[in-house]
Amino acid sequence: MQAARHLRKRSFALAGHRTSVALEPEFWTVLEEAARCRGLSLAALVTQIDTARADMAQPLASALRLHALAEAQRR
């Protein structure tokens, strides 16, 4: 379980509930930059991504990684 040591956990309030998400630091860096570019907090960006994934039954961590990947590819 060595990979888990490299994950960084963040907590958010989504739809009135607290949740934690663990991602690799590189993904958080891309998401933080994407939020800054949009003039949003990281929590606001995560809320947007969470809302968009609601119909896909996709885990939040996966949705965040895919969003970060798309952001990185756009750059």
C-alpha atoms as a PDB file:
ATOM      1  CA  MET A   1       0.000   0.000   0.000  1.00  0.00           C
ATOM      2  CA  GLN A   2       2.976   2.258  -0.595  1.00  0.00           C
ATOM      3  CA  ALA A   3       1.107   4.404  -3.155  1.00  0.00           C
ATOM      4  CA  ALA A   4      -1.287   5.678  -0.484  1.00  0.00           C
ATOM      5  CA  ARG A   5       1.624   7.486   1.187  1.00  0.00           C
ATOM      6  CA  HIS A   6       1.921   9.704  -1.875  1.00  0.00           C
ATOM      7  CA  LEU A   7      -1.702  10.815  -1.775  1.00  0.00           C
ATOM      8  CA  ARG A   8      -2.723  14.115  -0.255  1.00  0.00           C
ATOM      9  CA  LYS A   9      -6.146  14.246   1.336  1.00  0.00           C
ATOM     10  CA  ARG A  10      -8.404  17.306   1.194  1.00  0.00           C
ATOM     11  CA  SER A  11     -11.802  17.758   2.840  1.00  0.00           C
ATOM     12  CA  PHE A  12     -14.749  19.606   1.331  1.00  0.00           C
ATOM     13  CA  ALA A  13     -18.392  20.276   2.071  1.00  0.00           C
ATOM     14  CA  LEU A  14     -20.393  19.087  -0.934  1.00  0.00           C
ATOM     15  CA  ALA A  15     -24.185  19.258  -1.014  1.00  0.00           C
ATOM     16  CA  GLY A  16     -24.198  19.868   2.722  1.00  0.00           C
ATOM     17  CA  HIS A  17     -22.029  16.855   3.576  1.00  0.00           C
ATOM     18  CA  ARG A  18     -18.342  16.685   4.457  1.00  0.00           C
ATOM     19  CA  THR A  19     -16.251  14.447   2.265  1.00  0.00           C
ATOM     20  CA  SER A  20     -12.557  13.795   1.840  1.00  0.00           C
ATOM     21  CA  VAL A  21     -10.718  13.110  -1.381  1.00  0.00           C
ATOM     22  CA  ALA A  22      -7.190  11.746  -1.674  1.00  0.00           C
ATOM     23  CA  LEU A  23      -5.244  12.540  -4.846  1.00  0.00           C
ATOM     24  CA  GLU A  24      -1.629  12.694  -5.849  1.00  0.00           C
ATOM     25  CA  PRO A  25      -0.114  16.159  -5.198  1.00  0.00           C
ATOM     26  CA  GLU A  26       0.370  16.750  -8.922  1.00  0.00           C
ATOM     27  CA  PHE A  27      -3.386  16.557  -9.516  1.00  0.00           C
ATOM     28  CA  TRP A  28      -4.053  19.004  -6.682  1.00  0.00           C
ATOM     29  CA  THR A  29      -1.517  21.412  -8.199  1.00  0.00           C
ATOM     30  CA  VAL A  30      -3.301  21.405 -11.567  1.00  0.00           C
ATOM     31  CA  LEU A  31      -6.715  21.783  -9.922  1.00  0.00           C
ATOM     32  CA  GLU A  32      -5.497  24.660  -7.738  1.00  0.00           C
ATOM     33  CA  GLU A  33      -4.135  26.451 -10.808  1.00  0.00           C
ATOM     34  CA  ALA A  34      -7.383  25.856 -12.719  1.00  0.00           C
ATOM     35  CA  ALA A  35      -9.345  27.339  -9.832  1.00  0.00           C
ATOM     36  CA  ARG A  36      -7.040  30.377  -9.678  1.00  0.00           C
ATOM     37  CA  CYS A  37      -7.388  30.968 -13.423  1.00  0.00           C
ATOM     38  CA  ARG A  38     -11.174  30.962 -13.043  1.00  0.00           C
ATOM     39  CA  GLY A  39     -11.122  33.198  -9.980  1.00  0.00           C
ATOM     40  CA  LEU A  40     -12.526  30.394  -7.822  1.00  0.00           C
ATOM     41  CA  SER A  41     -11.485  28.755  -4.616  1.00  0.00           C
ATOM     42  CA  LEU A  42     -10.447  25.128  -4.860  1.00  0.00           C
ATOM     43  CA  ALA A  43     -13.619  24.218  -2.959  1.00  0.00           C
ATOM     44  CA  ALA A  44     -15.772  26.057  -5.512  1.00  0.00           C
ATOM     45  CA  LEU A  45     -14.083  24.238  -8.410  1.00  0.00           C
ATOM     46  CA  VAL A  46     -14.504  20.873  -6.691  1.00  0.00           C
ATOM     47  CA  THR A  47     -18.187  21.701  -6.145  1.00  0.00           C
ATOM     48  CA  GLN A  48     -18.594  22.439  -9.875  1.00  0.00           C
ATOM     49  CA  ILE A  49     -16.900  19.173 -10.822  1.00  0.00           C
ATOM     50  CA  ASP A  50     -18.993  17.284  -8.269  1.00  0.00           C
ATOM     51  CA  THR A  51     -22.213  18.761  -9.665  1.00  0.00           C
ATOM     52  CA  ALA A  52     -21.216  17.916 -13.255  1.00  0.00           C
ATOM     53  CA  ARG A  53     -20.448  14.274 -12.408  1.00  0.00           C
ATOM     54  CA  ALA A  54     -23.754  13.684 -10.595  1.00  0.00           C
ATOM     55  CA  ASP A  55     -25.409  12.042 -13.597  1.00  0.00           C
ATOM     56  CA  MET A  56     -22.397   9.885 -14.440  1.00  0.00           C
ATOM     57  CA  ALA A  57     -22.183   7.852 -11.225  1.00  0.00           C
ATOM     58  CA  GLN A  58     -18.441   8.494 -11.310  1.00  0.00           C
ATOM     59  CA  PRO A  59     -16.359   8.594  -8.120  1.00  0.00           C
ATOM     60  CA  LEU A  60     -15.342  12.130  -7.172  1.00  0.00           C
ATOM     61  CA  ALA A  61     -11.626  11.284  -7.157  1.00  0.00           C
ATOM     62  CA  SER A  62     -11.895   9.984 -10.730  1.00  0.00           C
ATOM     63  CA  ALA A  63     -13.802  13.074 -11.858  1.00  0.00           C
ATOM     64  CA  LEU A  64     -11.150  15.319 -10.300  1.00  0.00           C
ATOM     65  CA  ARG A  65      -8.299  13.406 -11.939  1.00  0.00           C
ATOM     66  CA  LEU A  66     -10.009  13.543 -15.336  1.00  0.00           C
ATOM     67  CA  HIS A  67     -10.672  17.261 -14.952  1.00  0.00           C
ATOM     68  CA  ALA A  68      -7.020  17.861 -14.039  1.00  0.00           C
ATOM     69  CA  LEU A  69      -5.910  15.803 -17.038  1.00  0.00           C
ATOM     70  CA  ALA A  70      -8.141  17.830 -19.365  1.00  0.00           C
ATOM     71  CA  GLU A  71      -6.759  21.061 -17.875  1.00  0.00           C
ATOM     72  CA  ALA A  72      -3.184  19.894 -18.372  1.00  0.00           C
ATOM     73  CA  GLN A  73      -3.890  18.890 -21.969  1.00  0.00           C
ATOM     74  CA  ARG A  74      -5.401  22.331 -22.702  1.00  0.00           C
ATOM     75  CA  ARG A  75      -2.183  24.057 -21.568  1.00  0.00           C
END
